[in-house]
C-alpha atoms as a PDB file:
ATOM      1  CA  MET A   1      62.788 -27.899 -43.505  1.00  0.00           C
ATOM      2  CA  LYS A   2      60.827 -26.130 -46.261  1.00  0.00           C
ATOM      3  CA  SER A   3      62.525 -23.244 -48.076  1.00  0.00           C
ATOM      4  CA  THR A   4      59.851 -20.926 -46.675  1.00  0.00           C
ATOM      5  CA  PRO A   5      59.068 -21.960 -43.096  1.00  0.00           C
ATOM      6  CA  LEU A   6      55.911 -20.753 -41.394  1.00  0.00           C
ATOM      7  CA  VAL A   7      57.833 -19.452 -38.377  1.00  0.00           C
ATOM      8  CA  THR A   8      61.202 -17.846 -37.758  1.00  0.00           C
ATOM      9  CA  VAL A   9      62.472 -18.243 -34.205  1.00  0.00           C
ATOM     10  CA  PHE A  10      65.109 -15.734 -33.112  1.00  0.00           C
ATOM     11  CA  THR A  11      67.581 -15.859 -30.222  1.00  0.00           C
ATOM     12  CA  PRO A  12      70.196 -13.167 -29.507  1.00  0.00           C
ATOM     13  CA  VAL A  13      73.355 -14.392 -27.761  1.00  0.00           C
ATOM     14  CA  TYR A  14      76.094 -12.582 -25.906  1.00  0.00           C
ATOM     15  CA  ASN A  15      78.305 -14.556 -23.503  1.00  0.00           C
ATOM     16  CA  LEU A  16      75.637 -17.052 -22.524  1.00  0.00           C
ATOM     17  CA  GLU A  17      77.678 -20.249 -22.385  1.00  0.00           C
ATOM     18  CA  LYS A  18      75.922 -21.292 -19.164  1.00  0.00           C
ATOM     19  CA  TYR A  19      72.444 -21.258 -20.644  1.00  0.00           C
ATOM     20  CA  ILE A  20      72.421 -21.223 -24.452  1.00  0.00           C
ATOM     21  CA  LEU A  21      72.388 -24.999 -25.001  1.00  0.00           C
ATOM     22  CA  GLU A  22      69.316 -25.415 -22.811  1.00  0.00           C
ATOM     23  CA  THR A  23      67.577 -22.549 -24.608  1.00  0.00           C
ATOM     24  CA  ILE A  24      68.319 -23.983 -28.059  1.00  0.00           C
ATOM     25  CA  ASN A  25      67.164 -27.463 -27.055  1.00  0.00           C
ATOM     26  CA  SER A  26      63.892 -26.034 -25.748  1.00  0.00           C
ATOM     27  CA  ILE A  27      63.234 -24.740 -29.293  1.00  0.00           C
ATOM     28  CA  LEU A  28      64.479 -27.763 -31.230  1.00  0.00           C
ATOM     29  CA  LEU A  29      62.220 -30.026 -29.155  1.00  0.00           C
ATOM     30  CA  GLN A  30      59.042 -28.084 -29.943  1.00  0.00           C
ATOM     31  CA  THR A  31      55.997 -30.115 -31.028  1.00  0.00           C
ATOM     32  CA  PHE A  32      55.617 -27.660 -33.939  1.00  0.00           C
ATOM     33  CA  THR A  33      58.507 -28.187 -36.360  1.00  0.00           C
ATOM     34  CA  ASP A  34      57.961 -25.943 -39.403  1.00  0.00           C
ATOM     35  CA  PHE A  35      60.415 -23.229 -38.402  1.00  0.00           C
ATOM     36  CA  GLU A  36      63.861 -21.838 -39.073  1.00  0.00           C
ATOM     37  CA  TYR A  37      65.971 -20.842 -36.098  1.00  0.00           C
ATOM     38  CA  ILE A  38      68.069 -17.680 -36.418  1.00  0.00           C
ATOM     39  CA  ILE A  39      70.698 -17.343 -33.706  1.00  0.00           C
ATOM     40  CA  ILE A  40      72.724 -14.135 -33.722  1.00  0.00           C
ATOM     41  CA  ASP A  41      75.913 -14.064 -31.682  1.00  0.00           C
ATOM     42  CA  ASP A  42      76.852 -10.522 -30.790  1.00  0.00           C
ATOM     43  CA  GLY A  43      80.613 -10.891 -30.423  1.00  0.00           C
ATOM     44  CA  SER A  44      80.720 -13.344 -27.517  1.00  0.00           C
ATOM     45  CA  SER A  45      84.107 -13.810 -25.863  1.00  0.00           C
ATOM     46  CA  ASP A  46      83.164 -17.025 -24.031  1.00  0.00           C
ATOM     47  CA  SER A  47      82.442 -20.478 -25.521  1.00  0.00           C
ATOM     48  CA  SER A  48      78.902 -19.681 -26.729  1.00  0.00           C
ATOM     49  CA  ILE A  49      79.857 -19.998 -30.411  1.00  0.00           C
ATOM     50  CA  GLU A  50      81.570 -23.342 -29.926  1.00  0.00           C
ATOM     51  CA  ILE A  51      78.515 -24.701 -28.120  1.00  0.00           C
ATOM     52  CA  ILE A  52      76.148 -23.555 -30.887  1.00  0.00           C
ATOM     53  CA  LYS A  53      78.327 -24.928 -33.707  1.00  0.00           C
ATOM     54  CA  LYS A  54      78.299 -28.402 -32.164  1.00  0.00           C
ATOM     55  CA  ILE A  55      74.521 -28.643 -32.612  1.00  0.00           C
ATOM     56  CA  ASN A  56      73.646 -30.417 -35.840  1.00  0.00           C
ATOM     57  CA  ASP A  57      70.200 -29.253 -36.936  1.00  0.00           C
ATOM     58  CA  PRO A  58      69.426 -27.863 -40.424  1.00  0.00           C
ATOM     59  CA  ARG A  59      66.852 -25.435 -39.016  1.00  0.00           C
ATOM     60  CA  ILE A  60      69.581 -23.396 -37.306  1.00  0.00           C
ATOM     61  CA  ARG A  61      71.005 -20.352 -39.083  1.00  0.00           C
ATOM     62  CA  LEU A  62      73.915 -18.917 -37.101  1.00  0.00           C
ATOM     63  CA  ILE A  63      74.887 -15.303 -37.746  1.00  0.00           C
ATOM     64  CA  GLN A  64      78.051 -13.961 -36.110  1.00  0.00           C
ATOM     65  CA  ASN A  65      78.664 -10.252 -35.630  1.00  0.00           C
ATOM     66  CA  GLU A  66      82.322  -9.264 -35.890  1.00  0.00           C
ATOM     67  CA  LYS A  67      81.855  -6.879 -32.981  1.00  0.00           C
ATOM     68  CA  ASN A  68      79.204  -6.235 -30.364  1.00  0.00           C
ATOM     69  CA  GLN A  69      76.330  -4.304 -31.925  1.00  0.00           C
ATOM     70  CA  GLY A  70      73.708  -4.268 -29.174  1.00  0.00           C
ATOM     71  CA  ILE A  71      70.306  -5.875 -28.803  1.00  0.00           C
ATOM     72  CA  SER A  72      68.334  -3.459 -31.029  1.00  0.00           C
ATOM     73  CA  TYR A  73      70.686  -4.055 -33.960  1.00  0.00           C
ATOM     74  CA  ASN A  74      70.279  -7.800 -33.564  1.00  0.00           C
ATOM     75  CA  ARG A  75      66.479  -7.693 -33.342  1.00  0.00           C
ATOM     76  CA  ASN A  76      66.376  -5.568 -36.509  1.00  0.00           C
ATOM     77  CA  LEU A  77      68.738  -7.955 -38.283  1.00  0.00           C
ATOM     78  CA  ALA A  78      66.568 -10.922 -37.318  1.00  0.00           C
ATOM     79  CA  ILE A  79      63.475  -9.228 -38.748  1.00  0.00           C
ATOM     80  CA  LYS A  80      65.354  -8.506 -41.979  1.00  0.00           C
ATOM     81  CA  GLU A  81      66.652 -12.073 -42.267  1.00  0.00           C
ATOM     82  CA  ALA A  82      63.439 -13.829 -41.250  1.00  0.00           C
ATOM     83  CA  LYS A  83      61.690 -15.942 -43.905  1.00  0.00           C
ATOM     84  CA  GLY A  84      58.703 -16.947 -41.811  1.00  0.00           C
ATOM     85  CA  LYS A  85      55.209 -15.513 -41.744  1.00  0.00           C
ATOM     86  CA  TYR A  86      55.586 -15.284 -37.978  1.00  0.00           C
ATOM     87  CA  LEU A  87      58.547 -14.245 -35.815  1.00  0.00           C
ATOM     88  CA  ALA A  88      58.954 -15.892 -32.395  1.00  0.00           C
ATOM     89  CA  MET A  89      61.422 -14.414 -29.938  1.00  0.00           C
ATOM     90  CA  ILE A  90      63.283 -16.032 -27.061  1.00  0.00           C
ATOM     91  CA  ASP A  91      66.382 -14.709 -25.332  1.00  0.00           C
ATOM     92  CA  GLY A  92      69.431 -16.913 -24.943  1.00  0.00           C
ATOM     93  CA  ASP A  93      68.936 -17.631 -21.251  1.00  0.00           C
ATOM     94  CA  ASP A  94      65.192 -18.353 -21.277  1.00  0.00           C
ATOM     95  CA  LEU A  95      63.210 -21.491 -22.102  1.00  0.00           C
ATOM     96  CA  ALA A  96      60.169 -22.400 -24.195  1.00  0.00           C
ATOM     97  CA  LEU A  97      57.888 -25.194 -23.064  1.00  0.00           C
ATOM     98  CA  PRO A  98      57.366 -27.887 -25.756  1.00  0.00           C
ATOM     99  CA  THR A  99      53.935 -26.753 -27.006  1.00  0.00           C
ATOM    100  CA  ARG A 100      54.595 -23.011 -27.039  1.00  0.00           C
ATOM    101  CA  LEU A 101      55.001 -22.561 -30.818  1.00  0.00           C
ATOM    102  CA  GLU A 102      52.189 -24.973 -31.647  1.00  0.00           C
ATOM    103  CA  LYS A 103      49.667 -23.189 -29.430  1.00  0.00           C
ATOM    104  CA  GLN A 104      50.680 -19.715 -30.629  1.00  0.00           C
ATOM    105  CA  ILE A 105      50.484 -20.724 -34.304  1.00  0.00           C
ATOM    106  CA  THR A 106      47.081 -22.349 -33.805  1.00  0.00           C
ATOM    107  CA  PHE A 107      45.766 -19.179 -32.187  1.00  0.00           C
ATOM    108  CA  LEU A 108      47.219 -16.717 -34.717  1.00  0.00           C
ATOM    109  CA  GLU A 109      46.099 -18.713 -37.735  1.00  0.00           C
ATOM    110  CA  LYS A 110      42.535 -18.625 -36.389  1.00  0.00           C
ATOM    111  CA  ASN A 111      42.603 -15.003 -35.174  1.00  0.00           C
ATOM    112  CA  THR A 112      43.990 -12.958 -38.037  1.00  0.00           C
ATOM    113  CA  ASN A 113      43.305  -9.606 -36.334  1.00  0.00           C
ATOM    114  CA  TYR A 114      45.978 -10.344 -33.714  1.00  0.00           C
ATOM    115  CA  GLY A 115      49.508  -9.162 -34.459  1.00  0.00           C
ATOM    116  CA  ILE A 116      51.307  -9.885 -31.168  1.00  0.00           C
ATOM    117  CA  LEU A 117      50.760 -12.896 -28.958  1.00  0.00           C
ATOM    118  CA  GLY A 118      52.540 -13.685 -25.702  1.00  0.00           C
ATOM    119  CA  THR A 119      52.145 -16.366 -23.078  1.00  0.00           C
ATOM    120  CA  GLU A 120      52.127 -16.492 -19.326  1.00  0.00           C
ATOM    121  CA  VAL A 121      55.569 -16.860 -17.756  1.00  0.00           C
ATOM    122  CA  VAL A 122      57.287 -18.773 -14.974  1.00  0.00           C
ATOM    123  CA  LYS A 123      60.351 -17.146 -13.414  1.00  0.00           C
ATOM    124  CA  ILE A 124      63.324 -19.440 -12.781  1.00  0.00           C
ATOM    125  CA  ASP A 125      66.711 -18.952 -11.126  1.00  0.00           C
ATOM    126  CA  LYS A 126      70.166 -19.542 -12.612  1.00  0.00           C
ATOM    127  CA  ASP A 127      69.823 -23.274 -11.945  1.00  0.00           C
ATOM    128  CA  GLY A 128      66.367 -23.567 -13.498  1.00  0.00           C
ATOM    129  CA  ARG A 129      64.432 -23.758 -10.231  1.00  0.00           C
ATOM    130  CA  GLU A 130      61.012 -22.094 -10.317  1.00  0.00           C
ATOM    131  CA  LEU A 131      60.931 -18.954  -8.183  1.00  0.00           C
ATOM    132  CA  ASN A 132      57.198 -18.494  -7.837  1.00  0.00           C
ATOM    133  CA  LYS A 133      53.874 -19.274  -9.401  1.00  0.00           C
ATOM    134  CA  ALA A 134      53.299 -18.387 -13.046  1.00  0.00           C
ATOM    135  CA  ILE A 135      52.889 -14.708 -13.892  1.00  0.00           C
ATOM    136  CA  LYS A 136      49.214 -14.527 -14.788  1.00  0.00           C
ATOM    137  CA  TYR A 137      47.855 -11.917 -17.192  1.00  0.00           C
ATOM    138  CA  SER A 138      44.416 -11.383 -15.748  1.00  0.00           C
ATOM    139  CA  ILE A 139      42.983  -8.464 -17.699  1.00  0.00           C
ATOM    140  CA  PRO A 140      41.098  -8.944 -21.006  1.00  0.00           C
ATOM    141  CA  ASP A 141      43.060  -8.553 -24.230  1.00  0.00           C
ATOM    142  CA  GLU A 142      40.990  -5.462 -25.069  1.00  0.00           C
ATOM    143  CA  GLU A 143      42.536  -3.600 -22.124  1.00  0.00           C
ATOM    144  CA  ILE A 144      46.176  -4.494 -22.804  1.00  0.00           C
ATOM    145  CA  PRO A 145      46.975  -1.421 -24.984  1.00  0.00           C
ATOM    146  CA  ALA A 146      45.854   0.813 -22.119  1.00  0.00           C
ATOM    147  CA  ARG A 147      47.675  -1.391 -19.603  1.00  0.00           C
ATOM    148  CA  MET A 148      50.898  -0.748 -21.539  1.00  0.00           C
ATOM    149  CA  LEU A 149      50.585   2.874 -20.394  1.00  0.00           C
ATOM    150  CA  PHE A 150      51.524   1.670 -16.901  1.00  0.00           C
ATOM    151  CA  ASN A 151      54.290  -0.793 -17.822  1.00  0.00           C
ATOM    152  CA  ASN A 152      55.351  -3.481 -20.271  1.00  0.00           C
ATOM    153  CA  TYR A 153      52.630  -6.130 -20.127  1.00  0.00           C
ATOM    154  CA  ILE A 154      54.162  -8.747 -22.387  1.00  0.00           C
ATOM    155  CA  ALA A 155      57.318 -10.831 -21.921  1.00  0.00           C
ATOM    156  CA  THR A 156      59.545 -10.599 -24.996  1.00  0.00           C
ATOM    157  CA  SER A 157      60.793 -14.184 -24.669  1.00  0.00           C
ATOM    158  CA  SER A 158      57.174 -15.326 -24.983  1.00  0.00           C
ATOM    159  CA  VAL A 159      56.290 -13.224 -28.024  1.00  0.00           C
ATOM    160  CA  MET A 160      55.174 -14.351 -31.461  1.00  0.00           C
ATOM    161  CA  ILE A 161      54.560 -11.572 -33.979  1.00  0.00           C
ATOM    162  CA  ARG A 162      52.876 -11.527 -37.361  1.00  0.00           C
ATOM    163  CA  LYS A 163      55.892 -10.345 -39.351  1.00  0.00           C
ATOM    164  CA  SER A 164      53.892  -8.145 -41.730  1.00  0.00           C
ATOM    165  CA  TYR A 165      53.141  -5.808 -38.808  1.00  0.00           C
ATOM    166  CA  ILE A 166      56.730  -5.310 -37.698  1.00  0.00           C
ATOM    167  CA  GLU A 167      58.724  -5.286 -40.963  1.00  0.00           C
ATOM    168  CA  ASP A 168      58.760  -1.476 -41.170  1.00  0.00           C
ATOM    169  CA  ILE A 169      59.233  -0.871 -37.436  1.00  0.00           C
ATOM    170  CA  LYS A 170      62.791  -0.612 -36.201  1.00  0.00           C
ATOM    171  CA  PHE A 171      64.100  -1.215 -32.703  1.00  0.00           C
ATOM    172  CA  LYS A 172      65.879   1.986 -31.694  1.00  0.00           C
ATOM    173  CA  LYS A 173      69.620   1.633 -31.102  1.00  0.00           C
ATOM    174  CA  ASP A 174      69.671   4.347 -28.432  1.00  0.00           C
ATOM    175  CA  PHE A 175      67.553   2.140 -26.165  1.00  0.00           C
ATOM    176  CA  ILE A 176      70.034  -0.012 -24.251  1.00  0.00           C
ATOM    177  CA  VAL A 177      67.186  -1.546 -22.239  1.00  0.00           C
ATOM    178  CA  ALA A 178      63.387  -1.676 -22.658  1.00  0.00           C
ATOM    179  CA  GLU A 179      63.833  -1.490 -26.439  1.00  0.00           C
ATOM    180  CA  ASP A 180      61.067  -4.095 -26.680  1.00  0.00           C
ATOM    181  CA  TYR A 181      58.627  -2.019 -24.601  1.00  0.00           C
ATOM    182  CA  GLU A 182      59.184   0.965 -26.895  1.00  0.00           C
ATOM    183  CA  VAL A 183      58.405  -1.147 -29.986  1.00  0.00           C
ATOM    184  CA  TRP A 184      55.334  -2.789 -28.468  1.00  0.00           C
ATOM    185  CA  ILE A 185      53.902   0.674 -27.718  1.00  0.00           C
ATOM    186  CA  ARG A 186      54.158   1.558 -31.415  1.00  0.00           C
ATOM    187  CA  LEU A 187      53.007  -1.857 -32.591  1.00  0.00           C
ATOM    188  CA  ILE A 188      49.781  -1.947 -30.563  1.00  0.00           C
ATOM    189  CA  ARG A 189      48.608   1.156 -32.411  1.00  0.00           C
ATOM    190  CA  ARG A 190      48.285  -0.965 -35.567  1.00  0.00           C
ATOM    191  CA  CYS A 191      47.257  -4.453 -34.424  1.00  0.00           C
ATOM    192  CA  ARG A 192      45.669  -6.400 -31.612  1.00  0.00           C
ATOM    193  CA  ILE A 193      47.752  -7.820 -28.766  1.00  0.00           C
ATOM    194  CA  GLY A 194      46.949 -10.767 -26.534  1.00  0.00           C
ATOM    195  CA  HIS A 195      48.144 -13.660 -24.403  1.00  0.00           C
ATOM    196  CA  ILE A 196      47.672 -17.386 -24.282  1.00  0.00           C
ATOM    197  CA  ARG A 197      46.518 -17.832 -20.700  1.00  0.00           C
ATOM    198  CA  GLU A 198      48.940 -20.634 -19.986  1.00  0.00           C
ATOM    199  CA  PRO A 199      52.598 -20.606 -18.793  1.00  0.00           C
ATOM    200  CA  LEU A 200      54.548 -21.630 -21.903  1.00  0.00           C
ATOM    201  CA  THR A 201      57.759 -19.647 -21.249  1.00  0.00           C
ATOM    202  CA  LYS A 202      60.368 -19.715 -18.505  1.00  0.00           C
ATOM    203  CA  TYR A 203      62.129 -16.426 -17.782  1.00  0.00           C
ATOM    204  CA  ARG A 204      65.489 -16.757 -16.063  1.00  0.00           C
ATOM    205  CA  ILE A 205      66.653 -14.362 -13.356  1.00  0.00           C
ATOM    206  CA  HIS A 206      70.414 -14.359 -12.730  1.00  0.00           C
ATOM    207  CA  ASP A 207      73.151 -11.911 -11.783  1.00  0.00           C
ATOM    208  CA  ASP A 208      74.221 -11.287 -15.391  1.00  0.00           C
ATOM    209  CA  SER A 209      70.729 -10.628 -16.774  1.00  0.00           C
ATOM    210  CA  ILE A 210      69.949  -7.128 -18.037  1.00  0.00           C
ATOM    211  CA  SER A 211      67.066  -6.723 -15.590  1.00  0.00           C
ATOM    212  CA  VAL A 212      69.524  -7.222 -12.706  1.00  0.00           C
ATOM    213  CA  LYS A 213      72.696  -5.508 -14.006  1.00  0.00           C
ATOM    214  CA  LYS A 214      70.942  -2.434 -15.369  1.00  0.00           C
ATOM    215  CA  LYS A 215      68.007  -2.194 -12.960  1.00  0.00           C
ATOM    216  CA  GLN A 216      68.119   1.596 -12.470  1.00  0.00           C
ATOM    217  CA  LEU A 217      68.530   2.253 -16.190  1.00  0.00           C
ATOM    218  CA  MET A 218      65.517  -0.004 -16.772  1.00  0.00           C
ATOM    219  CA  ILE A 219      63.430   2.018 -14.302  1.00  0.00           C
ATOM    220  CA  ASP A 220      64.541   5.333 -15.835  1.00  0.00           C
ATOM    221  CA  THR A 221      63.784   4.132 -19.378  1.00  0.00           C
ATOM    222  CA  GLU A 222      60.359   2.832 -18.382  1.00  0.00           C
ATOM    223  CA  ILE A 223      59.557   6.231 -16.840  1.00  0.00           C
ATOM    224  CA  LEU A 224      60.663   7.906 -20.074  1.00  0.00           C
ATOM    225  CA  LEU A 225      58.291   5.679 -22.064  1.00  0.00           C
ATOM    226  CA  MET A 226      55.432   6.295 -19.632  1.00  0.00           C
ATOM    227  CA  LYS A 227      55.878  10.048 -20.013  1.00  0.00           C
ATOM    228  CA  LYS A 228      56.009   9.692 -23.790  1.00  0.00           C
ATOM    229  CA  GLN A 229      52.658   7.914 -23.742  1.00  0.00           C
ATOM    230  CA  LEU A 230      51.168  10.486 -21.358  1.00  0.00           C
ATOM    231  CA  LEU A 231      52.241  13.184 -23.815  1.00  0.00           C
ATOM    232  CA  GLU A 232      50.534  11.251 -26.610  1.00  0.00           C
ATOM    233  CA  LEU A 233      47.470  11.002 -24.371  1.00  0.00           C
ATOM    234  CA  ASN A 234      47.712  14.781 -23.824  1.00  0.00           C
ATOM    235  CA  CYS A 235      47.607  14.208 -20.079  1.00  0.00           C
ATOM    236  CA  ASN A 236      49.549  16.673 -17.933  1.00  0.00           C
ATOM    237  CA  LEU A 237      49.991  15.199 -14.448  1.00  0.00           C
ATOM    238  CA  THR A 238      51.412  17.179 -11.553  1.00  0.00           C
ATOM    239  CA  PRO A 239      54.591  15.742  -9.953  1.00  0.00           C
ATOM    240  CA  ASP A 240      52.504  14.256  -7.113  1.00  0.00           C
ATOM    241  CA  GLN A 241      50.036  12.758  -9.558  1.00  0.00           C
ATOM    242  CA  PHE A 242      52.799  11.271 -11.696  1.00  0.00           C
ATOM    243  CA  GLN A 243      54.360   9.753  -8.590  1.00  0.00           C
ATOM    244  CA  ALA A 244      51.001   8.159  -7.754  1.00  0.00           C
ATOM    245  CA  PHE A 245      50.684   6.952 -11.343  1.00  0.00           C
ATOM    246  CA  HIS A 246      54.192   5.453 -11.251  1.00  0.00           C
ATOM    247  CA  ASP A 247      53.560   3.815  -7.878  1.00  0.00           C
ATOM    248  CA  LEU A 248      50.381   2.241  -9.251  1.00  0.00           C
ATOM    249  CA  SER A 249      52.403   0.831 -12.140  1.00  0.00           C
ATOM    250  CA  LYS A 250      54.685  -0.865  -9.594  1.00  0.00           C
ATOM    251  CA  ASP A 251      51.799  -2.102  -7.400  1.00  0.00           C
ATOM    252  CA  ASN A 252      53.027   0.209  -4.641  1.00  0.00           C
ATOM    253  CA  GLN A 253      49.559   0.858  -3.238  1.00  0.00           C
ATOM    254  CA  LYS A 254      50.104   1.178   0.506  1.00  0.00           C
ATOM    255  CA  PRO A 255      51.166   4.871   0.601  1.00  0.00           C
ATOM    256  CA  TYR A 256      47.782   5.848  -0.859  1.00  0.00           C
ATOM    257  CA  TYR A 257      45.398   3.875   1.333  1.00  0.00           C
ATOM    258  CA  GLU A 258      44.936   7.005   3.450  1.00  0.00           C
ATOM    259  CA  ASN A 259      45.083   9.407   0.499  1.00  0.00           C
ATOM    260  CA  PHE A 260      42.235   8.544  -1.834  1.00  0.00           C
ATOM    261  CA  ALA A 261      42.083  12.118  -3.159  1.00  0.00           C
ATOM    262  CA  ILE A 262      45.402  11.930  -5.059  1.00  0.00           C
ATOM    263  CA  ILE A 263      44.434   8.586  -6.598  1.00  0.00           C
ATOM    264  CA  ASN A 264      41.048   9.926  -7.665  1.00  0.00           C
ATOM    265  CA  GLN A 265      42.617  13.092  -9.109  1.00  0.00           C
ATOM    266  CA  THR A 266      45.155  11.056 -11.079  1.00  0.00           C
ATOM    267  CA  ILE A 267      42.581   8.607 -12.439  1.00  0.00           C
ATOM    268  CA  SER A 268      40.261  11.507 -13.281  1.00  0.00           C
ATOM    269  CA  LYS A 269      42.964  13.271 -15.299  1.00  0.00           C
ATOM    270  CA  LEU A 270      43.812  10.075 -17.200  1.00  0.00           C
ATOM    271  CA  PHE A 271      40.171   9.326 -17.939  1.00  0.00           C
ATOM    272  CA  ASN A 272      39.308  12.821 -19.123  1.00  0.00           C
ATOM    273  CA  ALA A 273      42.478  13.150 -21.209  1.00  0.00           C
ATOM    274  CA  ASN A 274      41.589   9.987 -23.096  1.00  0.00           C
ATOM    275  CA  ARG A 275      38.018  11.198 -23.560  1.00  0.00           C
ATOM    276  CA  SER A 276      39.511  14.012 -25.633  1.00  0.00           C
ATOM    277  CA  SER A 277      42.438  12.255 -27.325  1.00  0.00           C
ATOM    278  CA  LEU A 278      40.790   8.825 -27.824  1.00  0.00           C
ATOM    279  CA  LEU A 279      44.226   7.234 -27.749  1.00  0.00           C
ATOM    280  CA  PHE A 280      42.596   4.144 -26.249  1.00  0.00           C
ATOM    281  CA  LYS A 281      39.082   2.816 -26.622  1.00  0.00           C
ATOM    282  CA  GLN A 282      37.279   4.734 -23.911  1.00  0.00           C
ATOM    283  CA  GLU A 283      35.290   1.923 -22.314  1.00  0.00           C
ATOM    284  CA  ASP A 284      38.323  -0.378 -22.235  1.00  0.00           C
ATOM    285  CA  PHE A 285      40.405   2.409 -20.718  1.00  0.00           C
ATOM    286  CA  ARG A 286      37.799   3.206 -18.092  1.00  0.00           C
ATOM    287  CA  SER A 287      37.491  -0.472 -17.139  1.00  0.00           C
ATOM    288  CA  LEU A 288      41.261  -0.669 -16.677  1.00  0.00           C
ATOM    289  CA  LEU A 289      41.393   2.509 -14.579  1.00  0.00           C
ATOM    290  CA  TYR A 290      38.553   1.186 -12.448  1.00  0.00           C
ATOM    291  CA  ARG A 291      40.626  -1.867 -11.535  1.00  0.00           C
ATOM    292  CA  TYR A 292      43.240   0.433 -10.008  1.00  0.00           C
ATOM    293  CA  TRP A 293      40.792   2.932  -8.520  1.00  0.00           C
ATOM    294  CA  HIS A 294      38.403   0.493  -6.836  1.00  0.00           C
ATOM    295  CA  VAL A 295      41.123  -0.916  -4.531  1.00  0.00           C
ATOM    296  CA  PHE A 296      41.388   2.498  -2.886  1.00  0.00           C
ATOM    297  CA  PHE A 297      37.677   3.267  -3.000  1.00  0.00           C
ATOM    298  CA  LEU A 298      37.064   0.268  -0.748  1.00  0.00           C
ATOM    299  CA  LYS A 299      39.370   1.788   1.887  1.00  0.00           C
ATOM    300  CA  ILE A 300      37.670   5.185   2.140  1.00  0.00           C
ATOM    301  CA  LYS A 301      36.898   6.034   5.778  1.00  0.00           C
ATOM    302  CA  SER A 302      35.742   9.632   5.550  1.00  0.00           C
ATOM    303  CA  PHE A 303      32.908  10.596   3.206  1.00  0.00           C
ATOM    304  CA  GLU A 304      32.478  14.242   2.219  1.00  0.00           C
ATOM    305  CA  LYS A 305      29.820  15.606  -0.115  1.00  0.00           C
ATOM    306  CA  SER A 306      32.582  16.863  -2.404  1.00  0.00           C
ATOM    307  CA  LEU A 307      33.825  13.277  -2.698  1.00  0.00           C
ATOM    308  CA  LEU A 308      30.686  12.276  -4.578  1.00  0.00           C
ATOM    309  CA  LYS A 309      31.266  15.028  -7.155  1.00  0.00           C
ATOM    310  CA  ASP A 310      34.965  14.159  -7.453  1.00  0.00           C
ATOM    311  CA  ILE A 311      34.189  10.507  -8.072  1.00  0.00           C
ATOM    312  CA  LYS A 312      31.588  11.378 -10.698  1.00  0.00           C
ATOM    313  CA  ASP A 313      34.144  13.621 -12.409  1.00  0.00           C
ATOM    314  CA  SER A 314      36.634  10.740 -12.498  1.00  0.00           C
ATOM    315  CA  GLY A 315      34.279   8.626 -14.635  1.00  0.00           C
ATOM    316  CA  MET A 316      34.320   5.800 -12.101  1.00  0.00           C
ATOM    317  CA  PHE A 317      30.903   6.309 -10.506  1.00  0.00           C
ATOM    318  CA  GLU A 318      29.008   4.530 -13.303  1.00  0.00           C
ATOM    319  CA  LEU A 319      31.185   1.428 -12.889  1.00  0.00           C
ATOM    320  CA  LEU A 320      30.349   1.031  -9.222  1.00  0.00           C
ATOM    321  CA  SER A 321      27.752  -1.560  -8.325  1.00  0.00           C
ATOM    322  CA  THR A 322      24.280  -0.184  -7.586  1.00  0.00           C
ATOM    323  CA  SER A 323      24.758  -0.930  -3.885  1.00  0.00           C
ATOM    324  CA  ASP A 324      28.093   0.952  -3.823  1.00  0.00           C
ATOM    325  CA  GLN A 325      26.526   3.914  -5.615  1.00  0.00           C
ATOM    326  CA  ILE A 326      23.697   4.073  -3.063  1.00  0.00           C
ATOM    327  CA  LYS A 327      26.155   3.703  -0.166  1.00  0.00           C
ATOM    328  CA  LEU A 328      28.338   6.515  -1.510  1.00  0.00           C
ATOM    329  CA  ILE A 329      25.395   8.878  -2.004  1.00  0.00           C
ATOM    330  CA  PHE A 330      23.923   8.045   1.396  1.00  0.00           C
ATOM    331  CA  LYS A 331      27.176   8.386   3.361  1.00  0.00           C
ATOM    332  CA  SER A 332      28.137  11.603   1.576  1.00  0.00           C
ATOM    333  CA  TYR A 333      24.714  13.098   2.259  1.00  0.00           C
ATOM    334  CA  ILE A 334      24.581  12.017   5.923  1.00  0.00           C
ATOM    335  CA  ASN A 335      28.130  13.190   6.619  1.00  0.00           C
ATOM    336  CA  PHE A 336      27.510  16.565   4.973  1.00  0.00           C
ATOM    337  CA  ASN A 337      24.249  17.231   6.824  1.00  0.00           C
ATOM    338  CA  SER A 338      25.644  16.195  10.193  1.00  0.00           C
ATOM    339  CA  LYS A 339      28.064  19.134  10.186  1.00  0.00           C
END
């Protein structure tokens, strides 16, 4: 290994004796080899350390904390210790497919305006069995910053970051969960974010994973970060509108199929707030909002004349197809004049 590798790979470990060997091997067997591998053990009380020490590979740098410091501390320490131009993250129970690093490096070296690059993800169970089809990231990269308003749209174990963008950003120690989401929100204000549209990471779901053990805390922290972004957007939603916004973020659409008005009001407030604050690029933001809004527009059964004005106020009318615009105008007019 060169004294200055192109990539630093980082894995945090805490009592992961069941999975850590498989995770490490998935990195050591990468087709791209110019990397150092920082593994930070956060005071494990199981056999994780013994397993790691048995692996003979000069690219591994093992750091042992004398006591448990928490995930934010370890991510910050990895950034400080990293020698590479790029920092790749993978948690100690997840897996990287063999070409992950190679494909991310190839992309980032060619696209210097990108600072964060993830991949699509396959969820696996504790035994490594695939749970479903790959998680596809369908929206264009341009819309991802706005999409992060609704929830975390990048899997940390798939991330490669241009280190120059994150060196002065610290993971906050008071975030027990979703510390990555909080950092990505700050990071996307200074660089472009994207995905390789290919499943190159396996994300493991098991009873001891943070997403399972601290599920309610995760939900509460995500809501906190949503509200923080809404404040930055200068968007003041009513409780009902925020509930609709939160339900949209969780793909909980069914309660609103018969209540288009609250969806339209919520989307309208978001759109008009951004028109003033310009937190996100307006056309990208409107395109993203339209993806949510149009699902409910298609289910409208009752057309009132006021609906046409409300939809125009929401900023969505111009994104409708010409045929949908004509249909909306016609039905609103006919319904109004039949009363």
